All heavy atoms as atom14 arrays in JSON, in Angstrom:
{
  "sequence": "AENGSKLPVKIDGEVIYYVGPAPAKPGYAVGPAGPTSSYRMDKYTPT",
  "atom14_mask": [
    [1, 1, 1, 1, 1, 0, 0, 0, 0, 0, 0, 0, 0, 0],
    [1, 1, 1, 1, 1, 1, 1, 1, 1, 0, 0, 0, 0, 0],
    [1, 1, 1, 1, 1, 1, 1, 1, 0, 0, 0, 0, 0, 0],
    [1, 1, 1, 1, 0, 0, 0, 0, 0, 0, 0, 0, 0, 0],
    [1, 1, 1, 1, 1, 1, 0, 0, 0, 0, 0, 0, 0, 0],
    [1, 1, 1, 1, 1, 1, 1, 1, 1, 0, 0, 0, 0, 0],
    [1, 1, 1, 1, 1, 1, 1, 1, 0, 0, 0, 0, 0, 0],
    [1, 1, 1, 1, 1, 1, 1, 0, 0, 0, 0, 0, 0, 0],
    [1, 1, 1, 1, 1, 1, 1, 0, 0, 0, 0, 0, 0, 0],
    [1, 1, 1, 1, 1, 1, 1, 1, 1, 0, 0, 0, 0, 0],
    [1, 1, 1, 1, 1, 1, 1, 1, 0, 0, 0, 0, 0, 0],
    [1, 1, 1, 1, 1, 1, 1, 1, 0, 0, 0, 0, 0, 0],
    [1, 1, 1, 1, 0, 0, 0, 0, 0, 0, 0, 0, 0, 0],
    [1, 1, 1, 1, 1, 1, 1, 1, 1, 0, 0, 0, 0, 0],
    [1, 1, 1, 1, 1, 1, 1, 0, 0, 0, 0, 0, 0, 0],
    [1, 1, 1, 1, 1, 1, 1, 1, 0, 0, 0, 0, 0, 0],
    [1, 1, 1, 1, 1, 1, 1, 1, 1, 1, 1, 1, 0, 0],
    [1, 1, 1, 1, 1, 1, 1, 1, 1, 1, 1, 1, 0, 0],
    [1, 1, 1, 1, 1, 1, 1, 0, 0, 0, 0, 0, 0, 0],
    [1, 1, 1, 1, 0, 0, 0, 0, 0, 0, 0, 0, 0, 0],
    [1, 1, 1, 1, 1, 1, 1, 0, 0, 0, 0, 0, 0, 0],
    [1, 1, 1, 1, 1, 0, 0, 0, 0, 0, 0, 0, 0, 0],
    [1, 1, 1, 1, 1, 1, 1, 0, 0, 0, 0, 0, 0, 0],
    [1, 1, 1, 1, 1, 0, 0, 0, 0, 0, 0, 0, 0, 0],
    [1, 1, 1, 1, 1, 1, 1, 1, 1, 0, 0, 0, 0, 0],
    [1, 1, 1, 1, 1, 1, 1, 0, 0, 0, 0, 0, 0, 0],
    [1, 1, 1, 1, 0, 0, 0, 0, 0, 0, 0, 0, 0, 0],
    [1, 1, 1, 1, 1, 1, 1, 1, 1, 1, 1, 1, 0, 0],
    [1, 1, 1, 1, 1, 0, 0, 0, 0, 0, 0, 0, 0, 0],
    [1, 1, 1, 1, 1, 1, 1, 0, 0, 0, 0, 0, 0, 0],
    [1, 1, 1, 1, 0, 0, 0, 0, 0, 0, 0, 0, 0, 0],
    [1, 1, 1, 1, 1, 1, 1, 0, 0, 0, 0, 0, 0, 0],
    [1, 1, 1, 1, 1, 0, 0, 0, 0, 0, 0, 0, 0, 0],
    [1, 1, 1, 1, 0, 0, 0, 0, 0, 0, 0, 0, 0, 0],
    [1, 1, 1, 1, 1, 1, 1, 0, 0, 0, 0, 0, 0, 0],
    [1, 1, 1, 1, 1, 1, 1, 0, 0, 0, 0, 0, 0, 0],
    [1, 1, 1, 1, 1, 1, 0, 0, 0, 0, 0, 0, 0, 0],
    [1, 1, 1, 1, 1, 1, 0, 0, 0, 0, 0, 0, 0, 0],
    [1, 1, 1, 1, 1, 1, 1, 1, 1, 1, 1, 1, 0, 0],
    [1, 1, 1, 1, 1, 1, 1, 1, 1, 1, 1, 0, 0, 0],
    [1, 1, 1, 1, 1, 1, 1, 1, 0, 0, 0, 0, 0, 0],
    [1, 1, 1, 1, 1, 1, 1, 1, 0, 0, 0, 0, 0, 0],
    [1, 1, 1, 1, 1, 1, 1, 1, 1, 0, 0, 0, 0, 0],
    [1, 1, 1, 1, 1, 1, 1, 1, 1, 1, 1, 1, 0, 0],
    [1, 1, 1, 1, 1, 1, 1, 0, 0, 0, 0, 0, 0, 0],
    [1, 1, 1, 1, 1, 1, 1, 0, 0, 0, 0, 0, 0, 0],
    [1, 1, 1, 1, 1, 1, 1, 0, 0, 0, 0, 0, 0, 0]
  ],
  "atom14_positions": [
    [[76.17, -268.04, 45.26], [75.94, -267.26, 46.48], [76.79, -266.0, 46.49], [76.31, -264.91, 46.85], [76.24, -268.11, 47.71], [0.0, 0.0, 0.0], [0.0, 0.0, 0.0], [0.0, 0.0, 0.0], [0.0, 0.0, 0.0], [0.0, 0.0, 0.0], [0.0, 0.0, 0.0], [0.0, 0.0, 0.0], [0.0, 0.0, 0.0], [0.0, 0.0, 0.0]],
    [[78.05, -266.12, 46.12], [78.95, -264.96, 46.1], [78.49, -263.89, 45.11], [78.74, -262.71, 45.31], [80.38, -265.41, 45.78], [81.03, -266.19, 46.9], [81.24, -265.35, 48.15], [82.0, -264.37, 48.09], [80.63, -265.68, 49.19], [0.0, 0.0, 0.0], [0.0, 0.0, 0.0], [0.0, 0.0, 0.0], [0.0, 0.0, 0.0], [0.0, 0.0, 0.0]],
    [[77.82, -264.33, 44.04], [77.31, -263.39, 43.03], [75.91, -262.9, 43.35], [75.33, -262.15, 42.56], [77.33, -264.05, 41.64], [78.73, -264.3, 41.14], [79.64, -263.52, 41.42], [78.92, -265.37, 40.41], [0.0, 0.0, 0.0], [0.0, 0.0, 0.0], [0.0, 0.0, 0.0], [0.0, 0.0, 0.0], [0.0, 0.0, 0.0], [0.0, 0.0, 0.0]],
    [[75.34, -263.36, 44.47], [73.99, -262.95, 44.84], [72.9, -263.61, 44.02], [71.76, -263.15, 44.01], [0.0, 0.0, 0.0], [0.0, 0.0, 0.0], [0.0, 0.0, 0.0], [0.0, 0.0, 0.0], [0.0, 0.0, 0.0], [0.0, 0.0, 0.0], [0.0, 0.0, 0.0], [0.0, 0.0, 0.0], [0.0, 0.0, 0.0], [0.0, 0.0, 0.0]],
    [[73.25, -264.69, 43.32], [72.27, -265.4, 42.49], [71.5, -266.42, 43.32], [71.97, -266.9, 44.34], [72.99, -266.13, 41.34], [73.68, -265.2, 40.54], [0.0, 0.0, 0.0], [0.0, 0.0, 0.0], [0.0, 0.0, 0.0], [0.0, 0.0, 0.0], [0.0, 0.0, 0.0], [0.0, 0.0, 0.0], [0.0, 0.0, 0.0], [0.0, 0.0, 0.0]],
    [[70.33, -266.76, 42.82], [69.48, -267.76, 43.49], [70.09, -269.15, 43.3], [70.54, -269.5, 42.21], [68.07, -267.71, 42.89], [67.08, -268.61, 43.58], [65.69, -268.41, 42.99], [64.66, -269.06, 43.84], [64.27, -270.34, 43.62], [0.0, 0.0, 0.0], [0.0, 0.0, 0.0], [0.0, 0.0, 0.0], [0.0, 0.0, 0.0], [0.0, 0.0, 0.0]],
    [[70.08, -269.94, 44.36], [70.59, -271.31, 44.27], [69.53, -272.2, 43.63], [68.33, -271.98, 43.81], [70.93, -271.84, 45.66], [71.97, -271.07, 46.48], [72.28, -271.82, 47.78], [73.23, -270.82, 45.69], [0.0, 0.0, 0.0], [0.0, 0.0, 0.0], [0.0, 0.0, 0.0], [0.0, 0.0, 0.0], [0.0, 0.0, 0.0], [0.0, 0.0, 0.0]],
    [[69.97, -273.25, 42.91], [69.01, -274.14, 42.25], [68.39, -275.17, 43.21], [67.56, -275.98, 42.81], [69.87, -274.84, 41.19], [71.23, -274.85, 41.8], [71.34, -273.57, 42.57], [0.0, 0.0, 0.0], [0.0, 0.0, 0.0], [0.0, 0.0, 0.0], [0.0, 0.0, 0.0], [0.0, 0.0, 0.0], [0.0, 0.0, 0.0], [0.0, 0.0, 0.0]],
    [[68.79, -275.11, 44.47], [68.29, -276.05, 45.48], [68.16, -275.3, 46.8], [68.96, -274.42, 47.1], [69.24, -277.27, 45.61], [70.61, -276.87, 46.05], [68.68, -278.33, 46.51], [0.0, 0.0, 0.0], [0.0, 0.0, 0.0], [0.0, 0.0, 0.0], [0.0, 0.0, 0.0], [0.0, 0.0, 0.0], [0.0, 0.0, 0.0], [0.0, 0.0, 0.0]],
    [[67.14, -275.65, 47.57], [66.94, -275.04, 48.88], [67.93, -275.68, 49.86], [67.98, -276.9, 49.98], [65.5, -275.29, 49.34], [65.2, -274.81, 50.74], [63.8, -275.27, 51.14], [63.63, -275.48, 52.6], [64.48, -276.39, 53.29], [0.0, 0.0, 0.0], [0.0, 0.0, 0.0], [0.0, 0.0, 0.0], [0.0, 0.0, 0.0], [0.0, 0.0, 0.0]],
    [[68.72, -274.86, 50.55], [69.64, -275.42, 51.55], [69.26, -275.01, 52.96], [69.75, -275.6, 53.92], [71.12, -275.05, 51.27], [71.34, -273.56, 51.31], [71.59, -275.65, 49.95], [72.81, -273.18, 51.35], [0.0, 0.0, 0.0], [0.0, 0.0, 0.0], [0.0, 0.0, 0.0], [0.0, 0.0, 0.0], [0.0, 0.0, 0.0], [0.0, 0.0, 0.0]],
    [[68.38, -274.02, 53.1], [67.96, -273.56, 54.42], [67.31, -274.71, 55.19], [66.35, -275.31, 54.72], [66.98, -272.39, 54.27], [66.62, -271.76, 55.59], [67.48, -271.69, 56.49], [65.45, -271.34, 55.74], [0.0, 0.0, 0.0], [0.0, 0.0, 0.0], [0.0, 0.0, 0.0], [0.0, 0.0, 0.0], [0.0, 0.0, 0.0], [0.0, 0.0, 0.0]],
    [[67.88, -275.02, 56.35], [67.35, -276.09, 57.2], [67.78, -277.49, 56.81], [67.37, -278.46, 57.45], [0.0, 0.0, 0.0], [0.0, 0.0, 0.0], [0.0, 0.0, 0.0], [0.0, 0.0, 0.0], [0.0, 0.0, 0.0], [0.0, 0.0, 0.0], [0.0, 0.0, 0.0], [0.0, 0.0, 0.0], [0.0, 0.0, 0.0], [0.0, 0.0, 0.0]],
    [[68.59, -277.63, 55.79], [68.98, -278.94, 55.28], [70.23, -279.5, 55.96], [71.02, -278.77, 56.54], [69.26, -278.88, 53.77], [68.05, -278.61, 52.91], [67.11, -279.79, 52.79], [67.46, -280.93, 53.2], [66.0, -279.59, 52.26], [0.0, 0.0, 0.0], [0.0, 0.0, 0.0], [0.0, 0.0, 0.0], [0.0, 0.0, 0.0], [0.0, 0.0, 0.0]],
    [[70.38, -280.81, 55.82], [71.6, -281.53, 56.15], [72.15, -282.03, 54.81], [71.39, -282.57, 53.99], [71.32, -282.73, 57.08], [72.59, -283.58, 57.27], [70.79, -282.26, 58.43], [0.0, 0.0, 0.0], [0.0, 0.0, 0.0], [0.0, 0.0, 0.0], [0.0, 0.0, 0.0], [0.0, 0.0, 0.0], [0.0, 0.0, 0.0], [0.0, 0.0, 0.0]],
    [[73.44, -281.81, 54.58], [74.06, -282.27, 53.33], [75.04, -283.39, 53.63], [75.8, -283.33, 54.6], [74.72, -281.1, 52.58], [75.08, -281.51, 51.14], [75.94, -280.57, 53.34], [75.39, -280.34, 50.23], [0.0, 0.0, 0.0], [0.0, 0.0, 0.0], [0.0, 0.0, 0.0], [0.0, 0.0, 0.0], [0.0, 0.0, 0.0], [0.0, 0.0, 0.0]],
    [[74.99, -284.42, 52.79], [75.89, -285.57, 52.9], [76.91, -285.46, 51.78], [76.56, -285.37, 50.61], [75.09, -286.86, 52.77], [75.89, -288.14, 52.9], [77.05, -288.22, 53.66], [75.45, -289.3, 52.26], [77.75, -289.4, 53.78], [76.15, -290.49, 52.38], [77.3, -290.54, 53.13], [78.0, -291.72, 53.25], [0.0, 0.0, 0.0], [0.0, 0.0, 0.0]],
    [[78.18, -285.46, 52.15], [79.27, -285.39, 51.18], [79.5, -286.79, 50.63], [80.24, -287.59, 51.22], [80.55, -284.87, 51.84], [80.42, -283.54, 52.55], [81.13, -283.31, 53.72], [79.64, -282.51, 52.06], [81.07, -282.08, 54.38], [79.56, -281.28, 52.71], [80.28, -281.08, 53.87], [80.21, -279.87, 54.51], [0.0, 0.0, 0.0], [0.0, 0.0, 0.0]],
    [[78.9, -287.09, 49.49], [78.94, -288.44, 48.94], [78.86, -288.41, 47.42], [78.27, -287.5, 46.84], [77.76, -289.29, 49.51], [76.42, -288.75, 49.06], [77.89, -290.76, 49.17], [0.0, 0.0, 0.0], [0.0, 0.0, 0.0], [0.0, 0.0, 0.0], [0.0, 0.0, 0.0], [0.0, 0.0, 0.0], [0.0, 0.0, 0.0], [0.0, 0.0, 0.0]],
    [[79.45, -289.4, 46.8], [79.34, -289.64, 45.37], [79.19, -291.14, 45.22], [80.18, -291.85, 45.07], [0.0, 0.0, 0.0], [0.0, 0.0, 0.0], [0.0, 0.0, 0.0], [0.0, 0.0, 0.0], [0.0, 0.0, 0.0], [0.0, 0.0, 0.0], [0.0, 0.0, 0.0], [0.0, 0.0, 0.0], [0.0, 0.0, 0.0], [0.0, 0.0, 0.0]],
    [[77.98, -291.67, 45.32], [77.78, -293.11, 45.39], [78.12, -293.86, 44.11], [78.12, -293.28, 43.02], [76.29, -293.25, 45.7], [75.69, -292.05, 45.05], [76.71, -290.95, 45.27], [0.0, 0.0, 0.0], [0.0, 0.0, 0.0], [0.0, 0.0, 0.0], [0.0, 0.0, 0.0], [0.0, 0.0, 0.0], [0.0, 0.0, 0.0], [0.0, 0.0, 0.0]],
    [[78.4, -295.13, 44.27], [78.59, -296.03, 43.13], [77.21, -296.35, 42.55], [76.19, -296.09, 43.19], [79.3, -297.3, 43.59], [0.0, 0.0, 0.0], [0.0, 0.0, 0.0], [0.0, 0.0, 0.0], [0.0, 0.0, 0.0], [0.0, 0.0, 0.0], [0.0, 0.0, 0.0], [0.0, 0.0, 0.0], [0.0, 0.0, 0.0], [0.0, 0.0, 0.0]],
    [[77.17, -296.93, 41.34], [75.88, -297.29, 40.76], [75.1, -298.26, 41.68], [75.69, -299.08, 42.37], [76.25, -297.97, 39.44], [77.6, -297.41, 39.11], [78.28, -297.19, 40.43], [0.0, 0.0, 0.0], [0.0, 0.0, 0.0], [0.0, 0.0, 0.0], [0.0, 0.0, 0.0], [0.0, 0.0, 0.0], [0.0, 0.0, 0.0], [0.0, 0.0, 0.0]],
    [[73.78, -298.13, 41.64], [72.91, -298.95, 42.49], [72.89, -300.4, 42.03], [72.88, -300.69, 40.83], [71.5, -298.39, 42.49], [0.0, 0.0, 0.0], [0.0, 0.0, 0.0], [0.0, 0.0, 0.0], [0.0, 0.0, 0.0], [0.0, 0.0, 0.0], [0.0, 0.0, 0.0], [0.0, 0.0, 0.0], [0.0, 0.0, 0.0], [0.0, 0.0, 0.0]],
    [[72.87, -301.3, 42.98], [72.66, -302.71, 42.72], [71.16, -302.97, 42.76], [70.42, -302.21, 43.38], [73.38, -303.56, 43.77], [74.88, -303.42, 43.73], [75.54, -304.27, 44.79], [77.05, -304.09, 44.73], [77.75, -304.89, 45.72], [0.0, 0.0, 0.0], [0.0, 0.0, 0.0], [0.0, 0.0, 0.0], [0.0, 0.0, 0.0], [0.0, 0.0, 0.0]],
    [[70.69, -304.05, 42.13], [69.26, -304.34, 42.16], [68.74, -304.39, 43.61], [69.37, -304.96, 44.49], [69.16, -305.72, 41.51], [70.37, -305.79, 40.61], [71.44, -305.02, 41.35], [0.0, 0.0, 0.0], [0.0, 0.0, 0.0], [0.0, 0.0, 0.0], [0.0, 0.0, 0.0], [0.0, 0.0, 0.0], [0.0, 0.0, 0.0], [0.0, 0.0, 0.0]],
    [[67.61, -303.71, 43.83], [67.0, -303.7, 45.16], [67.46, -302.57, 46.05], [66.98, -302.42, 47.17], [0.0, 0.0, 0.0], [0.0, 0.0, 0.0], [0.0, 0.0, 0.0], [0.0, 0.0, 0.0], [0.0, 0.0, 0.0], [0.0, 0.0, 0.0], [0.0, 0.0, 0.0], [0.0, 0.0, 0.0], [0.0, 0.0, 0.0], [0.0, 0.0, 0.0]],
    [[68.41, -301.74, 45.58], [68.91, -300.62, 46.37], [68.63, -299.3, 45.65], [68.64, -299.26, 44.41], [70.42, -300.74, 46.62], [70.78, -301.86, 47.56], [71.07, -303.13, 47.1], [70.82, -301.63, 48.94], [71.39, -304.16, 47.97], [71.15, -302.65, 49.82], [71.42, -303.91, 49.32], [71.73, -304.92, 50.19], [0.0, 0.0, 0.0], [0.0, 0.0, 0.0]],
    [[68.45, -298.23, 46.41], [68.25, -296.9, 45.83], [69.54, -296.36, 45.24], [69.54, -295.65, 44.24], [67.7, -295.94, 46.88], [0.0, 0.0, 0.0], [0.0, 0.0, 0.0], [0.0, 0.0, 0.0], [0.0, 0.0, 0.0], [0.0, 0.0, 0.0], [0.0, 0.0, 0.0], [0.0, 0.0, 0.0], [0.0, 0.0, 0.0], [0.0, 0.0, 0.0]],
    [[70.68, -296.67, 45.91], [72.0, -296.23, 45.47], [72.99, -297.37, 45.69], [72.7, -298.31, 46.42], [72.49, -294.98, 46.24], [71.55, -293.8, 46.02], [72.66, -295.24, 47.71], [0.0, 0.0, 0.0], [0.0, 0.0, 0.0], [0.0, 0.0, 0.0], [0.0, 0.0, 0.0], [0.0, 0.0, 0.0], [0.0, 0.0, 0.0], [0.0, 0.0, 0.0]],
    [[74.14, -297.24, 45.08], [75.2, -298.2, 45.34], [75.94, -297.82, 46.61], [75.51, -296.93, 47.35], [0.0, 0.0, 0.0], [0.0, 0.0, 0.0], [0.0, 0.0, 0.0], [0.0, 0.0, 0.0], [0.0, 0.0, 0.0], [0.0, 0.0, 0.0], [0.0, 0.0, 0.0], [0.0, 0.0, 0.0], [0.0, 0.0, 0.0], [0.0, 0.0, 0.0]],
    [[77.07, -298.46, 46.87], [77.84, -298.1, 48.05], [78.01, -296.58, 48.13], [78.34, -295.93, 47.15], [79.17, -298.82, 47.83], [78.78, -300.04, 47.03], [77.7, -299.54, 46.1], [0.0, 0.0, 0.0], [0.0, 0.0, 0.0], [0.0, 0.0, 0.0], [0.0, 0.0, 0.0], [0.0, 0.0, 0.0], [0.0, 0.0, 0.0], [0.0, 0.0, 0.0]],
    [[77.74, -296.03, 49.32], [77.64, -294.57, 49.47], [78.41, -294.1, 50.7], [77.83, -293.62, 51.67], [76.16, -294.17, 49.56], [0.0, 0.0, 0.0], [0.0, 0.0, 0.0], [0.0, 0.0, 0.0], [0.0, 0.0, 0.0], [0.0, 0.0, 0.0], [0.0, 0.0, 0.0], [0.0, 0.0, 0.0], [0.0, 0.0, 0.0], [0.0, 0.0, 0.0]],
    [[79.71, -294.25, 50.65], [80.54, -293.83, 51.77], [80.82, -292.34, 51.75], [80.73, -291.69, 50.71], [0.0, 0.0, 0.0], [0.0, 0.0, 0.0], [0.0, 0.0, 0.0], [0.0, 0.0, 0.0], [0.0, 0.0, 0.0], [0.0, 0.0, 0.0], [0.0, 0.0, 0.0], [0.0, 0.0, 0.0], [0.0, 0.0, 0.0], [0.0, 0.0, 0.0]],
    [[81.19, -291.78, 52.88], [81.42, -290.34, 52.99], [82.72, -289.91, 52.3], [83.68, -290.64, 52.23], [81.54, -290.13, 54.5], [82.06, -291.43, 55.02], [81.42, -292.48, 54.16], [0.0, 0.0, 0.0], [0.0, 0.0, 0.0], [0.0, 0.0, 0.0], [0.0, 0.0, 0.0], [0.0, 0.0, 0.0], [0.0, 0.0, 0.0], [0.0, 0.0, 0.0]],
    [[82.68, -288.68, 51.8], [83.84, -288.03, 51.2], [84.57, -287.22, 52.28], [83.95, -286.73, 53.22], [83.38, -287.1, 50.07], [82.75, -287.89, 49.07], [84.53, -286.33, 49.45], [0.0, 0.0, 0.0], [0.0, 0.0, 0.0], [0.0, 0.0, 0.0], [0.0, 0.0, 0.0], [0.0, 0.0, 0.0], [0.0, 0.0, 0.0], [0.0, 0.0, 0.0]],
    [[85.86, -287.05, 52.14], [86.65, -286.23, 53.07], [86.11, -284.8, 53.07], [86.1, -284.12, 52.05], [88.12, -286.23, 52.67], [88.63, -287.54, 52.76], [0.0, 0.0, 0.0], [0.0, 0.0, 0.0], [0.0, 0.0, 0.0], [0.0, 0.0, 0.0], [0.0, 0.0, 0.0], [0.0, 0.0, 0.0], [0.0, 0.0, 0.0], [0.0, 0.0, 0.0]],
    [[85.7, -284.37, 54.23], [84.99, -283.09, 54.37], [85.85, -281.87, 54.12], [85.34, -280.83, 53.7], [84.38, -283.01, 55.77], [83.48, -284.08, 55.96], [0.0, 0.0, 0.0], [0.0, 0.0, 0.0], [0.0, 0.0, 0.0], [0.0, 0.0, 0.0], [0.0, 0.0, 0.0], [0.0, 0.0, 0.0], [0.0, 0.0, 0.0], [0.0, 0.0, 0.0]],
    [[87.15, -281.96, 54.37], [88.01, -280.78, 54.2], [87.9, -280.21, 52.79], [88.14, -279.02, 52.58], [89.47, -281.1, 54.54], [90.18, -281.9, 53.49], [90.83, -281.28, 52.43], [90.2, -283.29, 53.54], [91.48, -282.01, 51.45], [90.84, -284.04, 52.56], [91.47, -283.39, 51.52], [92.09, -284.12, 50.54], [0.0, 0.0, 0.0], [0.0, 0.0, 0.0]],
    [[87.52, -281.04, 51.83], [87.4, -280.58, 50.45], [86.28, -279.55, 50.28], [86.27, -278.81, 49.3], [87.18, -281.77, 49.52], [88.39, -282.67, 49.5], [88.18, -284.0, 48.86], [87.47, -283.96, 47.61], [87.11, -285.03, 46.93], [87.39, -286.23, 47.39], [86.46, -284.92, 45.8], [0.0, 0.0, 0.0], [0.0, 0.0, 0.0], [0.0, 0.0, 0.0]],
    [[85.36, -279.49, 51.23], [84.26, -278.53, 51.18], [84.5, -277.32, 52.1], [83.68, -276.41, 52.15], [82.95, -279.2, 51.59], [82.21, -279.92, 50.46], [83.09, -281.18, 49.52], [83.23, -282.52, 50.66], [0.0, 0.0, 0.0], [0.0, 0.0, 0.0], [0.0, 0.0, 0.0], [0.0, 0.0, 0.0], [0.0, 0.0, 0.0], [0.0, 0.0, 0.0]],
    [[85.59, -277.31, 52.85], [85.81, -276.28, 53.86], [85.77, -274.85, 53.31], [85.24, -273.95, 53.95], [87.13, -276.51, 54.6], [87.03, -277.59, 55.67], [85.94, -278.18, 55.86], [88.05, -277.84, 56.33], [0.0, 0.0, 0.0], [0.0, 0.0, 0.0], [0.0, 0.0, 0.0], [0.0, 0.0, 0.0], [0.0, 0.0, 0.0], [0.0, 0.0, 0.0]],
    [[86.3, -274.63, 52.13], [86.32, -273.28, 51.54], [84.9, -272.74, 51.37], [84.67, -271.54, 51.5], [87.04, -273.3, 50.2], [86.99, -271.99, 49.45], [87.71, -272.06, 48.12], [87.59, -270.74, 47.39], [88.25, -270.75, 46.09], [0.0, 0.0, 0.0], [0.0, 0.0, 0.0], [0.0, 0.0, 0.0], [0.0, 0.0, 0.0], [0.0, 0.0, 0.0]],
    [[83.96, -273.62, 51.06], [82.6, -273.21, 50.71], [81.63, -273.27, 51.89], [80.57, -272.65, 51.86], [82.08, -274.11, 49.59], [83.09, -274.34, 48.49], [83.63, -275.59, 48.24], [83.52, -273.28, 47.7], [84.56, -275.79, 47.25], [84.46, -273.46, 46.7], [84.98, -274.72, 46.47], [85.91, -274.91, 45.48], [0.0, 0.0, 0.0], [0.0, 0.0, 0.0]],
    [[81.97, -274.03, 52.91], [81.03, -274.34, 53.98], [80.54, -273.12, 54.77], [79.34, -272.99, 54.99], [81.63, -275.4, 54.92], [81.83, -276.6, 54.15], [80.72, -275.7, 56.09], [0.0, 0.0, 0.0], [0.0, 0.0, 0.0], [0.0, 0.0, 0.0], [0.0, 0.0, 0.0], [0.0, 0.0, 0.0], [0.0, 0.0, 0.0], [0.0, 0.0, 0.0]],
    [[81.41, -272.2, 55.23], [80.88, -271.07, 56.0], [79.8, -270.29, 55.26], [78.8, -269.88, 55.87], [82.12, -270.22, 56.29], [83.23, -271.23, 56.33], [82.88, -272.2, 55.22], [0.0, 0.0, 0.0], [0.0, 0.0, 0.0], [0.0, 0.0, 0.0], [0.0, 0.0, 0.0], [0.0, 0.0, 0.0], [0.0, 0.0, 0.0], [0.0, 0.0, 0.0]],
    [[79.96, -270.08, 53.97], [78.94, -269.36, 53.19], [77.63, -270.11, 53.21], [76.56, -269.52, 53.4], [79.44, -269.15, 51.74], [80.61, -268.32, 51.78], [78.37, -268.5, 50.88], [0.0, 0.0, 0.0], [0.0, 0.0, 0.0], [0.0, 0.0, 0.0], [0.0, 0.0, 0.0], [0.0, 0.0, 0.0], [0.0, 0.0, 0.0], [0.0, 0.0, 0.0]]
  ]
}
């Protein structure tokens, strides 16, 4: 964004979940998927 380049994903209108899930168990789409501490994204969020 800072370089004026196109993003590889559409973010306009989206909700983003700060997560890095564990591997999926049988019958689940993802493994345990708890939230990440949001302050780690603060530098990038306003942009």
